[in-house]
N, C-alpha and C. Protein backbone atom coordinates (compact mmCIF):
# COMPACT_ATOMS: atom_id res chain seq x y z
N MET A 1 -41.53 1.43 79.12
CA MET A 1 -40.82 1.95 77.96
C MET A 1 -40.24 0.79 77.18
N ASN A 2 -40.53 0.81 75.87
CA ASN A 2 -40.05 -0.29 75.03
C ASN A 2 -38.57 -0.13 74.71
N PRO A 3 -37.82 -1.22 74.71
CA PRO A 3 -36.38 -1.12 74.36
C PRO A 3 -36.22 -0.71 72.89
N PRO A 4 -35.14 0.01 72.57
CA PRO A 4 -34.93 0.45 71.17
C PRO A 4 -34.81 -0.74 70.24
N THR A 5 -35.42 -0.56 69.08
CA THR A 5 -35.41 -1.64 68.07
C THR A 5 -34.12 -1.60 67.28
N GLU A 6 -33.45 -2.75 67.13
CA GLU A 6 -32.18 -2.81 66.39
C GLU A 6 -32.45 -2.63 64.90
N SER A 7 -31.70 -1.71 64.27
CA SER A 7 -31.85 -1.47 62.83
C SER A 7 -31.14 -2.56 62.05
N ARG A 8 -31.86 -3.16 61.15
CA ARG A 8 -31.27 -4.22 60.33
C ARG A 8 -31.43 -3.89 58.85
N THR A 9 -30.34 -4.15 58.08
CA THR A 9 -30.38 -3.93 56.63
C THR A 9 -31.03 -5.13 55.98
N PRO A 10 -32.02 -4.91 55.11
CA PRO A 10 -32.67 -6.05 54.44
C PRO A 10 -31.65 -6.84 53.65
N PRO A 11 -31.87 -8.14 53.47
CA PRO A 11 -30.92 -8.98 52.71
C PRO A 11 -30.63 -8.40 51.33
N PHE A 12 -31.65 -7.88 50.64
CA PHE A 12 -31.43 -7.33 49.30
C PHE A 12 -30.46 -6.15 49.35
N GLY A 13 -30.59 -5.33 50.39
CA GLY A 13 -29.70 -4.18 50.52
C GLY A 13 -28.27 -4.60 50.74
N ARG A 14 -28.09 -5.67 51.55
CA ARG A 14 -26.72 -6.15 51.80
C ARG A 14 -26.10 -6.69 50.51
N LEU A 15 -26.89 -7.39 49.70
CA LEU A 15 -26.37 -7.91 48.44
C LEU A 15 -26.00 -6.78 47.49
N ALA A 16 -26.85 -5.75 47.44
CA ALA A 16 -26.57 -4.62 46.56
C ALA A 16 -25.29 -3.90 46.98
N ALA A 17 -25.11 -3.74 48.29
CA ALA A 17 -23.91 -3.08 48.79
C ALA A 17 -22.66 -3.90 48.48
N ALA A 18 -22.77 -5.21 48.62
CA ALA A 18 -21.63 -6.08 48.32
C ALA A 18 -21.28 -6.02 46.84
N GLY A 19 -22.34 -5.98 46.00
CA GLY A 19 -22.10 -5.89 44.56
C GLY A 19 -21.42 -4.58 44.19
N LEU A 20 -21.85 -3.48 44.83
CA LEU A 20 -21.23 -2.18 44.56
C LEU A 20 -19.76 -2.18 44.96
N LEU A 21 -19.48 -2.78 46.12
CA LEU A 21 -18.08 -2.85 46.55
C LEU A 21 -17.25 -3.68 45.59
N ALA A 22 -17.82 -4.75 45.06
CA ALA A 22 -17.10 -5.59 44.11
C ALA A 22 -16.79 -4.83 42.83
N ILE A 23 -17.77 -4.03 42.36
CA ILE A 23 -17.57 -3.24 41.14
C ILE A 23 -16.46 -2.20 41.35
N LEU A 24 -16.52 -1.54 42.53
CA LEU A 24 -15.49 -0.53 42.82
C LEU A 24 -14.12 -1.17 42.91
N ALA A 25 -14.04 -2.37 43.47
CA ALA A 25 -12.75 -3.06 43.57
C ALA A 25 -12.26 -3.43 42.17
N ALA A 26 -13.19 -3.85 41.30
CA ALA A 26 -12.79 -4.24 39.94
C ALA A 26 -12.25 -3.05 39.18
N CYS A 27 -12.79 -1.86 39.44
CA CYS A 27 -12.31 -0.66 38.73
C CYS A 27 -10.83 -0.42 38.98
N ASP A 28 -10.35 -0.88 40.11
CA ASP A 28 -8.95 -0.65 40.44
C ASP A 28 -8.01 -1.57 39.66
N ILE A 29 -8.54 -2.67 39.09
CA ILE A 29 -7.66 -3.61 38.41
C ILE A 29 -7.82 -3.57 36.89
N ILE A 30 -8.81 -2.81 36.37
CA ILE A 30 -8.95 -2.68 34.91
C ILE A 30 -7.84 -1.77 34.40
N PRO A 31 -7.03 -2.25 33.45
CA PRO A 31 -5.93 -1.41 32.97
C PRO A 31 -6.44 -0.20 32.21
N PRO A 32 -5.73 0.89 32.25
CA PRO A 32 -6.15 2.07 31.50
C PRO A 32 -6.08 1.81 30.00
N PRO A 33 -6.88 2.51 29.19
CA PRO A 33 -6.86 2.29 27.74
C PRO A 33 -5.47 2.59 27.17
N GLN A 34 -5.08 1.78 26.19
CA GLN A 34 -3.78 1.94 25.57
C GLN A 34 -3.91 2.62 24.21
N ASP A 35 -2.88 3.35 23.82
CA ASP A 35 -2.86 3.95 22.49
C ASP A 35 -2.80 2.85 21.43
N ASP A 36 -3.45 3.10 20.29
CA ASP A 36 -3.43 2.16 19.18
C ASP A 36 -2.00 2.08 18.64
N ALA A 37 -1.44 0.87 18.62
CA ALA A 37 -0.05 0.70 18.18
C ALA A 37 0.09 0.62 16.67
N THR A 38 -1.02 0.63 15.94
CA THR A 38 -0.96 0.51 14.49
C THR A 38 -0.37 1.77 13.88
N ARG A 39 0.53 1.57 12.91
CA ARG A 39 1.13 2.68 12.17
C ARG A 39 0.77 2.52 10.70
N TYR A 40 0.52 3.65 10.02
CA TYR A 40 0.07 3.63 8.63
C TYR A 40 1.10 4.34 7.74
N TYR A 41 1.28 3.80 6.54
CA TYR A 41 2.32 4.30 5.64
C TYR A 41 1.75 4.55 4.24
N VAL A 42 2.36 5.51 3.54
CA VAL A 42 1.95 5.85 2.19
C VAL A 42 3.15 5.76 1.26
N LEU A 43 2.86 5.62 -0.02
CA LEU A 43 3.90 5.71 -1.04
C LEU A 43 4.08 7.17 -1.42
N SER A 44 5.31 7.54 -1.71
CA SER A 44 5.59 8.91 -2.10
C SER A 44 6.67 8.92 -3.15
N GLY A 45 6.40 9.63 -4.24
CA GLY A 45 7.38 9.71 -5.32
C GLY A 45 8.36 10.84 -5.17
N GLY A 46 8.35 11.48 -4.02
CA GLY A 46 9.32 12.56 -3.81
C GLY A 46 8.97 13.83 -4.57
N GLY A 47 7.68 13.96 -4.96
CA GLY A 47 7.26 15.20 -5.60
C GLY A 47 7.73 15.34 -7.03
N ALA A 48 7.79 14.22 -7.77
CA ALA A 48 8.19 14.29 -9.17
C ALA A 48 7.23 15.17 -9.94
N ALA A 49 7.77 16.15 -10.65
CA ALA A 49 6.94 17.11 -11.37
C ALA A 49 6.79 16.68 -12.83
N PRO A 50 5.64 17.01 -13.46
CA PRO A 50 5.48 16.70 -14.88
C PRO A 50 6.57 17.37 -15.72
N ALA A 51 6.89 16.77 -16.83
CA ALA A 51 7.89 17.37 -17.73
C ALA A 51 7.41 18.75 -18.17
N ALA A 52 8.32 19.71 -18.21
CA ALA A 52 7.96 21.08 -18.56
C ALA A 52 7.35 21.14 -19.96
N SER A 53 7.93 20.42 -20.90
CA SER A 53 7.40 20.43 -22.27
C SER A 53 7.67 19.06 -22.89
N PRO A 54 6.61 18.28 -23.11
CA PRO A 54 6.80 16.96 -23.72
C PRO A 54 7.50 17.08 -25.07
N ALA A 55 8.27 16.05 -25.40
CA ALA A 55 9.01 16.05 -26.65
C ALA A 55 8.06 15.88 -27.83
N GLN A 56 8.55 16.22 -29.03
CA GLN A 56 7.77 16.03 -30.24
C GLN A 56 7.40 14.55 -30.38
N GLY A 57 6.12 14.28 -30.60
CA GLY A 57 5.68 12.90 -30.72
C GLY A 57 5.56 12.16 -29.42
N ALA A 58 5.51 12.87 -28.30
CA ALA A 58 5.37 12.21 -27.00
C ALA A 58 4.08 11.40 -26.97
N ALA A 59 4.12 10.28 -26.26
CA ALA A 59 3.00 9.32 -26.28
C ALA A 59 1.90 9.71 -25.30
N ARG A 60 0.70 9.37 -25.69
CA ARG A 60 -0.46 9.45 -24.79
C ARG A 60 -0.72 8.02 -24.30
N VAL A 61 -0.62 7.85 -23.00
CA VAL A 61 -0.61 6.51 -22.41
C VAL A 61 -1.87 6.27 -21.59
N GLY A 62 -2.43 5.09 -21.77
CA GLY A 62 -3.53 4.65 -20.91
C GLY A 62 -2.98 3.65 -19.90
N LEU A 63 -3.11 3.96 -18.63
CA LEU A 63 -2.61 3.08 -17.57
C LEU A 63 -3.78 2.26 -17.04
N LYS A 64 -3.77 0.97 -17.33
CA LYS A 64 -4.83 0.10 -16.84
C LYS A 64 -4.69 -0.11 -15.34
N ALA A 65 -5.78 -0.59 -14.73
CA ALA A 65 -5.77 -0.82 -13.29
C ALA A 65 -4.63 -1.76 -12.92
N VAL A 66 -3.87 -1.39 -11.91
CA VAL A 66 -2.75 -2.21 -11.45
C VAL A 66 -3.29 -3.47 -10.80
N ARG A 67 -2.74 -4.62 -11.20
CA ARG A 67 -3.14 -5.90 -10.62
C ARG A 67 -2.10 -6.34 -9.59
N LEU A 68 -2.57 -6.91 -8.51
CA LEU A 68 -1.71 -7.39 -7.43
C LEU A 68 -1.85 -8.89 -7.28
N GLU A 69 -0.74 -9.56 -6.95
CA GLU A 69 -0.83 -10.96 -6.53
C GLU A 69 -1.78 -11.05 -5.33
N GLY A 70 -2.46 -12.19 -5.21
CA GLY A 70 -3.49 -12.33 -4.19
C GLY A 70 -3.03 -11.99 -2.78
N TYR A 71 -1.83 -12.41 -2.41
CA TYR A 71 -1.38 -12.19 -1.03
C TYR A 71 -1.04 -10.74 -0.74
N LEU A 72 -0.97 -9.91 -1.80
CA LEU A 72 -0.68 -8.48 -1.62
C LEU A 72 -1.95 -7.64 -1.53
N ARG A 73 -3.11 -8.25 -1.74
CA ARG A 73 -4.36 -7.49 -1.73
C ARG A 73 -4.88 -7.31 -0.31
N ARG A 74 -4.12 -6.62 0.50
CA ARG A 74 -4.47 -6.39 1.89
C ARG A 74 -3.75 -5.14 2.36
N ARG A 75 -4.19 -4.62 3.51
CA ARG A 75 -3.58 -3.40 4.04
C ARG A 75 -2.29 -3.68 4.82
N GLU A 76 -2.15 -4.87 5.41
CA GLU A 76 -0.94 -5.15 6.18
C GLU A 76 0.28 -5.19 5.26
N MET A 77 1.37 -4.62 5.74
CA MET A 77 2.62 -4.72 4.99
C MET A 77 3.12 -6.17 5.08
N VAL A 78 3.82 -6.58 4.04
CA VAL A 78 4.24 -7.98 3.92
C VAL A 78 5.76 -8.07 4.05
N VAL A 79 6.21 -9.05 4.80
CA VAL A 79 7.64 -9.36 4.91
C VAL A 79 7.83 -10.83 4.57
N ARG A 80 8.71 -11.09 3.61
CA ARG A 80 9.00 -12.47 3.23
C ARG A 80 10.06 -13.03 4.16
N THR A 81 9.71 -14.12 4.84
CA THR A 81 10.61 -14.72 5.82
C THR A 81 11.20 -16.04 5.36
N GLY A 82 10.75 -16.54 4.22
CA GLY A 82 11.27 -17.78 3.66
C GLY A 82 10.93 -17.85 2.19
N ALA A 83 11.47 -18.85 1.52
CA ALA A 83 11.21 -18.97 0.09
C ALA A 83 9.72 -19.07 -0.19
N ASN A 84 8.98 -19.72 0.69
CA ASN A 84 7.54 -19.90 0.51
C ASN A 84 6.74 -19.42 1.72
N GLU A 85 7.33 -18.53 2.49
CA GLU A 85 6.67 -18.06 3.72
C GLU A 85 6.69 -16.55 3.78
N VAL A 86 5.53 -15.97 4.13
CA VAL A 86 5.44 -14.53 4.31
C VAL A 86 4.78 -14.24 5.65
N ALA A 87 5.07 -13.04 6.19
CA ALA A 87 4.45 -12.60 7.44
C ALA A 87 3.70 -11.31 7.16
N PHE A 88 2.48 -11.21 7.70
CA PHE A 88 1.67 -10.02 7.56
C PHE A 88 1.79 -9.21 8.85
N LYS A 89 2.21 -7.96 8.73
CA LYS A 89 2.46 -7.12 9.89
C LYS A 89 1.19 -6.38 10.28
N ASP A 90 0.50 -6.92 11.30
CA ASP A 90 -0.80 -6.38 11.69
C ASP A 90 -0.73 -4.91 12.09
N TYR A 91 0.36 -4.49 12.70
CA TYR A 91 0.45 -3.12 13.21
C TYR A 91 1.23 -2.19 12.28
N ARG A 92 1.56 -2.67 11.08
CA ARG A 92 2.23 -1.84 10.07
C ARG A 92 1.41 -1.99 8.79
N ARG A 93 0.66 -0.95 8.45
CA ARG A 93 -0.32 -1.07 7.39
C ARG A 93 -0.18 0.06 6.36
N TRP A 94 -0.61 -0.24 5.14
CA TRP A 94 -0.72 0.79 4.12
C TRP A 94 -1.95 1.64 4.44
N ALA A 95 -1.83 2.94 4.25
CA ALA A 95 -2.91 3.85 4.59
C ALA A 95 -3.99 3.91 3.52
N GLU A 96 -3.75 3.30 2.37
CA GLU A 96 -4.71 3.31 1.27
C GLU A 96 -4.55 2.01 0.48
N PRO A 97 -5.54 1.67 -0.35
CA PRO A 97 -5.40 0.46 -1.17
C PRO A 97 -4.13 0.50 -2.00
N LEU A 98 -3.38 -0.58 -1.98
CA LEU A 98 -2.06 -0.59 -2.59
C LEU A 98 -2.11 -0.43 -4.11
N ASP A 99 -3.12 -1.02 -4.75
CA ASP A 99 -3.19 -0.91 -6.20
C ASP A 99 -3.38 0.53 -6.67
N SER A 100 -4.27 1.27 -6.00
CA SER A 100 -4.50 2.66 -6.39
C SER A 100 -3.30 3.54 -6.04
N ALA A 101 -2.61 3.23 -4.92
CA ALA A 101 -1.42 4.01 -4.55
C ALA A 101 -0.31 3.82 -5.59
N ILE A 102 -0.09 2.59 -6.03
CA ILE A 102 0.94 2.32 -7.03
C ILE A 102 0.57 2.99 -8.35
N ALA A 103 -0.71 2.92 -8.74
CA ALA A 103 -1.15 3.55 -9.98
C ALA A 103 -0.91 5.06 -9.94
N ARG A 104 -1.19 5.67 -8.82
CA ARG A 104 -0.96 7.12 -8.69
C ARG A 104 0.50 7.47 -8.87
N GLU A 105 1.38 6.71 -8.21
CA GLU A 105 2.80 7.01 -8.31
C GLU A 105 3.36 6.69 -9.70
N LEU A 106 2.83 5.65 -10.35
CA LEU A 106 3.25 5.36 -11.71
C LEU A 106 2.84 6.49 -12.65
N LYS A 107 1.64 6.99 -12.49
CA LYS A 107 1.20 8.10 -13.34
C LYS A 107 2.12 9.30 -13.16
N ALA A 108 2.46 9.64 -11.93
CA ALA A 108 3.35 10.77 -11.68
C ALA A 108 4.72 10.53 -12.30
N GLY A 109 5.22 9.29 -12.18
CA GLY A 109 6.52 8.98 -12.76
C GLY A 109 6.52 9.06 -14.28
N LEU A 110 5.44 8.58 -14.91
CA LEU A 110 5.34 8.64 -16.37
C LEU A 110 5.29 10.09 -16.85
N LEU A 111 4.52 10.90 -16.16
CA LEU A 111 4.37 12.29 -16.58
C LEU A 111 5.64 13.11 -16.37
N SER A 112 6.56 12.60 -15.56
CA SER A 112 7.82 13.33 -15.36
C SER A 112 8.77 13.13 -16.53
N SER A 113 8.42 12.24 -17.47
CA SER A 113 9.27 11.98 -18.64
C SER A 113 8.79 12.83 -19.82
N PRO A 114 9.70 13.47 -20.54
CA PRO A 114 9.31 14.22 -21.74
C PRO A 114 8.81 13.32 -22.86
N SER A 115 8.99 12.01 -22.74
CA SER A 115 8.50 11.08 -23.76
C SER A 115 7.01 10.80 -23.62
N VAL A 116 6.40 11.30 -22.55
CA VAL A 116 4.98 11.06 -22.29
C VAL A 116 4.24 12.39 -22.24
N ALA A 117 3.22 12.50 -23.09
CA ALA A 117 2.46 13.75 -23.15
C ALA A 117 1.28 13.74 -22.18
N GLN A 118 0.65 12.58 -22.02
CA GLN A 118 -0.54 12.48 -21.18
C GLN A 118 -0.67 11.06 -20.67
N VAL A 119 -1.24 10.94 -19.47
CA VAL A 119 -1.52 9.63 -18.89
C VAL A 119 -2.96 9.61 -18.41
N TYR A 120 -3.72 8.65 -18.92
CA TYR A 120 -5.09 8.44 -18.48
C TYR A 120 -5.14 7.13 -17.70
N VAL A 121 -5.92 7.13 -16.63
CA VAL A 121 -6.01 5.97 -15.77
C VAL A 121 -7.37 5.31 -15.95
N GLU A 122 -7.38 4.00 -16.10
CA GLU A 122 -8.62 3.24 -16.24
C GLU A 122 -9.53 3.47 -15.02
N PRO A 123 -10.85 3.63 -15.23
CA PRO A 123 -11.61 3.47 -16.47
C PRO A 123 -11.44 4.68 -17.39
N PHE A 124 -11.19 4.41 -18.67
CA PHE A 124 -10.97 5.47 -19.63
C PHE A 124 -12.30 6.09 -20.06
N LEU A 125 -12.27 7.39 -20.25
CA LEU A 125 -13.47 8.12 -20.63
C LEU A 125 -13.48 8.38 -22.13
N SER A 126 -14.66 8.63 -22.64
CA SER A 126 -14.79 8.97 -24.05
C SER A 126 -14.00 10.25 -24.33
N GLY A 127 -13.27 10.24 -25.42
CA GLY A 127 -12.48 11.41 -25.79
C GLY A 127 -11.05 11.38 -25.30
N GLN A 128 -10.71 10.40 -24.46
CA GLN A 128 -9.33 10.28 -23.98
C GLN A 128 -8.54 9.43 -24.98
N GLU A 129 -8.04 10.08 -26.00
CA GLU A 129 -7.33 9.36 -27.06
C GLU A 129 -5.96 8.91 -26.56
N ARG A 130 -5.63 7.66 -26.86
CA ARG A 130 -4.40 7.07 -26.35
C ARG A 130 -3.64 6.44 -27.51
N ASP A 131 -2.32 6.45 -27.38
CA ASP A 131 -1.46 5.77 -28.36
C ASP A 131 -1.15 4.35 -27.91
N TYR A 132 -0.99 4.17 -26.60
CA TYR A 132 -0.67 2.85 -26.05
C TYR A 132 -1.39 2.67 -24.73
N ASP A 133 -1.71 1.42 -24.45
CA ASP A 133 -2.20 1.06 -23.12
C ASP A 133 -1.12 0.24 -22.41
N VAL A 134 -1.02 0.45 -21.11
CA VAL A 134 -0.01 -0.25 -20.31
C VAL A 134 -0.71 -1.02 -19.20
N SER A 135 -0.40 -2.29 -19.07
CA SER A 135 -0.89 -3.10 -17.95
C SER A 135 0.28 -3.47 -17.05
N VAL A 136 0.03 -3.46 -15.77
CA VAL A 136 1.08 -3.73 -14.77
C VAL A 136 0.54 -4.75 -13.78
N GLU A 137 1.28 -5.83 -13.60
CA GLU A 137 0.95 -6.83 -12.57
C GLU A 137 2.10 -6.87 -11.57
N ILE A 138 1.80 -6.54 -10.33
CA ILE A 138 2.80 -6.54 -9.26
C ILE A 138 2.88 -7.94 -8.66
N THR A 139 4.03 -8.58 -8.77
CA THR A 139 4.20 -9.94 -8.23
C THR A 139 4.97 -9.96 -6.91
N ARG A 140 5.72 -8.91 -6.62
CA ARG A 140 6.39 -8.77 -5.32
C ARG A 140 6.31 -7.31 -4.90
N PHE A 141 5.96 -7.07 -3.65
CA PHE A 141 5.95 -5.70 -3.13
C PHE A 141 6.02 -5.83 -1.61
N GLU A 142 7.24 -5.95 -1.10
CA GLU A 142 7.38 -6.38 0.30
C GLU A 142 8.79 -6.12 0.82
N GLY A 143 8.97 -6.41 2.07
CA GLY A 143 10.30 -6.45 2.64
C GLY A 143 10.79 -7.90 2.65
N ASP A 144 12.05 -8.08 2.40
CA ASP A 144 12.67 -9.40 2.49
C ASP A 144 13.44 -9.52 3.79
N ALA A 145 13.29 -10.65 4.45
CA ALA A 145 14.06 -10.93 5.67
C ALA A 145 14.58 -12.35 5.56
N LEU A 146 15.45 -12.56 4.60
CA LEU A 146 15.95 -13.89 4.30
C LEU A 146 17.40 -14.03 4.72
N ALA A 147 17.70 -15.09 5.45
CA ALA A 147 19.07 -15.39 5.88
C ALA A 147 19.72 -14.20 6.58
N GLY A 148 18.92 -13.49 7.36
CA GLY A 148 19.47 -12.37 8.12
C GLY A 148 19.78 -11.14 7.31
N ARG A 149 19.40 -11.11 6.05
CA ARG A 149 19.63 -9.95 5.21
C ARG A 149 18.28 -9.33 4.86
N PHE A 150 18.19 -8.01 5.01
CA PHE A 150 16.92 -7.31 4.84
C PHE A 150 17.00 -6.41 3.61
N ALA A 151 15.92 -6.41 2.82
CA ALA A 151 15.89 -5.58 1.61
C ALA A 151 14.45 -5.32 1.21
N ALA A 152 14.27 -4.27 0.42
CA ALA A 152 12.98 -4.01 -0.21
C ALA A 152 12.92 -4.81 -1.50
N SER A 153 11.73 -5.31 -1.83
CA SER A 153 11.61 -6.19 -3.00
C SER A 153 10.38 -5.81 -3.81
N LEU A 154 10.59 -5.43 -5.07
CA LEU A 154 9.50 -5.18 -6.01
C LEU A 154 9.78 -5.93 -7.29
N ALA A 155 8.78 -6.65 -7.79
CA ALA A 155 8.86 -7.31 -9.09
C ALA A 155 7.52 -7.13 -9.78
N ALA A 156 7.55 -6.97 -11.10
CA ALA A 156 6.31 -6.71 -11.84
C ALA A 156 6.45 -7.20 -13.27
N VAL A 157 5.30 -7.44 -13.89
CA VAL A 157 5.24 -7.77 -15.31
C VAL A 157 4.52 -6.61 -16.00
N VAL A 158 5.16 -6.05 -17.02
CA VAL A 158 4.62 -4.89 -17.74
C VAL A 158 4.33 -5.30 -19.18
N GLU A 159 3.17 -4.93 -19.67
CA GLU A 159 2.84 -5.12 -21.08
C GLU A 159 2.38 -3.80 -21.68
N VAL A 160 2.90 -3.49 -22.87
CA VAL A 160 2.49 -2.31 -23.62
C VAL A 160 1.78 -2.79 -24.87
N SER A 161 0.58 -2.28 -25.10
CA SER A 161 -0.20 -2.72 -26.26
C SER A 161 -0.73 -1.53 -27.03
N THR A 162 -1.04 -1.76 -28.30
CA THR A 162 -1.64 -0.72 -29.12
C THR A 162 -3.10 -0.56 -28.72
N VAL A 163 -3.72 0.48 -29.24
CA VAL A 163 -5.11 0.80 -28.92
C VAL A 163 -5.93 0.75 -30.22
N GLY A 164 -7.13 0.28 -30.11
CA GLY A 164 -7.99 0.25 -31.30
C GLY A 164 -8.80 -1.02 -31.34
N ASP A 165 -9.34 -1.30 -32.56
CA ASP A 165 -10.21 -2.46 -32.71
C ASP A 165 -9.44 -3.77 -32.62
N SER A 166 -8.17 -3.75 -32.99
CA SER A 166 -7.35 -4.98 -32.96
C SER A 166 -6.05 -4.71 -32.20
N PRO A 167 -6.14 -4.50 -30.89
CA PRO A 167 -4.92 -4.20 -30.13
C PRO A 167 -3.99 -5.40 -30.08
N HIS A 168 -2.70 -5.14 -30.02
CA HIS A 168 -1.73 -6.22 -29.87
C HIS A 168 -0.57 -5.75 -29.01
N VAL A 169 0.07 -6.70 -28.35
CA VAL A 169 1.17 -6.39 -27.44
C VAL A 169 2.42 -6.04 -28.25
N VAL A 170 3.01 -4.90 -27.94
CA VAL A 170 4.23 -4.47 -28.64
C VAL A 170 5.46 -4.59 -27.75
N ALA A 171 5.28 -4.74 -26.46
CA ALA A 171 6.41 -4.91 -25.55
C ALA A 171 5.94 -5.62 -24.29
N ARG A 172 6.80 -6.51 -23.79
CA ARG A 172 6.51 -7.20 -22.53
C ARG A 172 7.81 -7.29 -21.75
N LYS A 173 7.76 -6.91 -20.49
CA LYS A 173 8.97 -6.84 -19.68
C LYS A 173 8.71 -7.37 -18.28
N VAL A 174 9.58 -8.25 -17.82
CA VAL A 174 9.58 -8.67 -16.42
C VAL A 174 10.58 -7.77 -15.70
N PHE A 175 10.09 -6.96 -14.79
CA PHE A 175 10.92 -5.97 -14.10
C PHE A 175 11.17 -6.42 -12.67
N VAL A 176 12.43 -6.41 -12.28
CA VAL A 176 12.81 -6.69 -10.88
C VAL A 176 13.68 -5.53 -10.42
N ALA A 177 13.21 -4.81 -9.42
CA ALA A 177 13.98 -3.68 -8.92
C ALA A 177 15.24 -4.15 -8.22
N PRO A 178 16.34 -3.43 -8.38
CA PRO A 178 17.56 -3.79 -7.66
C PRO A 178 17.31 -3.81 -6.15
N ALA A 179 17.84 -4.81 -5.47
CA ALA A 179 17.64 -4.92 -4.03
C ALA A 179 18.22 -3.70 -3.32
N ALA A 180 17.42 -3.12 -2.45
CA ALA A 180 17.87 -1.97 -1.65
C ALA A 180 17.86 -2.37 -0.19
N ALA A 181 18.97 -2.14 0.51
CA ALA A 181 19.11 -2.58 1.89
C ALA A 181 18.08 -1.91 2.79
N TRP A 182 17.48 -2.69 3.65
CA TRP A 182 16.49 -2.24 4.65
C TRP A 182 16.96 -2.75 6.00
N ASP A 183 16.69 -1.98 7.05
CA ASP A 183 17.21 -2.39 8.37
C ASP A 183 16.35 -3.45 9.05
N GLY A 184 15.20 -3.79 8.47
CA GLY A 184 14.37 -4.86 9.03
C GLY A 184 13.39 -4.44 10.09
N SER A 185 13.42 -3.18 10.52
CA SER A 185 12.49 -2.74 11.57
C SER A 185 11.86 -1.38 11.29
N ASN A 186 12.49 -0.57 10.45
CA ASN A 186 11.97 0.77 10.14
C ASN A 186 11.06 0.67 8.93
N TYR A 187 9.75 0.65 9.18
CA TYR A 187 8.79 0.46 8.09
C TYR A 187 8.56 1.74 7.30
N ASP A 188 8.86 2.88 7.86
CA ASP A 188 8.85 4.11 7.08
C ASP A 188 9.95 4.05 6.02
N GLN A 189 11.10 3.52 6.40
CA GLN A 189 12.18 3.34 5.44
C GLN A 189 11.78 2.36 4.35
N LEU A 190 11.10 1.27 4.73
CA LEU A 190 10.65 0.29 3.74
C LEU A 190 9.69 0.93 2.75
N ALA A 191 8.74 1.72 3.24
CA ALA A 191 7.80 2.40 2.35
C ALA A 191 8.53 3.35 1.40
N SER A 192 9.55 4.02 1.90
CA SER A 192 10.35 4.93 1.06
C SER A 192 11.10 4.16 -0.02
N LEU A 193 11.69 3.03 0.34
CA LEU A 193 12.43 2.23 -0.63
C LEU A 193 11.50 1.66 -1.70
N LEU A 194 10.32 1.21 -1.29
CA LEU A 194 9.36 0.69 -2.26
C LEU A 194 8.84 1.81 -3.16
N SER A 195 8.70 3.01 -2.62
CA SER A 195 8.32 4.16 -3.45
C SER A 195 9.37 4.42 -4.52
N ARG A 196 10.63 4.31 -4.14
CA ARG A 196 11.72 4.49 -5.09
C ARG A 196 11.67 3.41 -6.17
N ASP A 197 11.30 2.20 -5.77
CA ASP A 197 11.19 1.11 -6.74
C ASP A 197 10.06 1.38 -7.73
N VAL A 198 8.95 1.94 -7.25
CA VAL A 198 7.84 2.27 -8.15
C VAL A 198 8.29 3.32 -9.17
N ALA A 199 9.07 4.29 -8.72
CA ALA A 199 9.60 5.30 -9.65
C ALA A 199 10.49 4.64 -10.71
N ALA A 200 11.29 3.66 -10.30
CA ALA A 200 12.13 2.94 -11.26
C ALA A 200 11.27 2.14 -12.23
N LEU A 201 10.17 1.58 -11.75
CA LEU A 201 9.25 0.84 -12.61
C LEU A 201 8.64 1.78 -13.65
N ALA A 202 8.28 2.98 -13.25
CA ALA A 202 7.75 3.97 -14.20
C ALA A 202 8.78 4.27 -15.28
N GLY A 203 10.04 4.39 -14.89
CA GLY A 203 11.10 4.62 -15.86
C GLY A 203 11.23 3.47 -16.84
N GLU A 204 11.05 2.24 -16.35
CA GLU A 204 11.12 1.08 -17.24
C GLU A 204 9.95 1.06 -18.21
N ILE A 205 8.78 1.47 -17.77
CA ILE A 205 7.63 1.54 -18.67
C ILE A 205 7.92 2.53 -19.81
N VAL A 206 8.47 3.69 -19.46
CA VAL A 206 8.81 4.68 -20.48
C VAL A 206 9.78 4.06 -21.50
N ALA A 207 10.75 3.32 -20.99
CA ALA A 207 11.75 2.71 -21.87
C ALA A 207 11.13 1.68 -22.82
N GLN A 208 9.98 1.10 -22.44
CA GLN A 208 9.33 0.08 -23.28
C GLN A 208 8.38 0.68 -24.31
N LEU A 209 8.09 1.97 -24.22
CA LEU A 209 7.19 2.60 -25.19
C LEU A 209 7.89 2.69 -26.54
N PRO A 210 7.27 2.20 -27.61
CA PRO A 210 7.91 2.29 -28.93
C PRO A 210 8.11 3.75 -29.34
N PRO A 211 9.20 4.04 -30.01
CA PRO A 211 9.43 5.43 -30.46
C PRO A 211 8.39 5.85 -31.48
N ARG A 212 7.99 7.11 -31.44
CA ARG A 212 7.02 7.64 -32.38
C ARG A 212 7.66 8.79 -33.15
N GLY A 213 7.40 8.81 -34.45
CA GLY A 213 8.01 9.84 -35.28
C GLY A 213 7.41 11.21 -35.10
């Protein structure tokens, strides 16, 4: 009678088993997936309603595309940390392009004034007759964190021009919104304060429109 033959695992099988054990061990040290820490914010004008009845001679306004300083053309919210230094907040972002969001809120603010009958937004269509065109360049739109003091900061250059074959500028205004205190960490509050500043900018645009008989 022959002695029983010892069962042996082929070398390839032993390597495969060792590899499987290594994979199973690695599964125990891979951290579980984390929630996305990014938060997104929008501008809101607080539901400003159009004027019930525009005044006699109310202006028809063309709002040109809002221009942004180069460092503001991004989704990250901006905080100024020095006279020449800014920080981009990777996990605190605007939910939509900032230029179109500001244009939307400016249009709503303009229409809430009885001095404005209609607002058209560039690109203008045939048949959209306008009395004045308005251009807006945003030079500051951020939180300030200077010398331990936190505030919302909006600054803009506004130009009002006539419409036609020979347009000319009839008003130019450098607008700086009054500083509004911010706690430095609540970015929903910062978005709200900047929304309020945009509403104030709309009011300044209305004030720059020449009176019409």
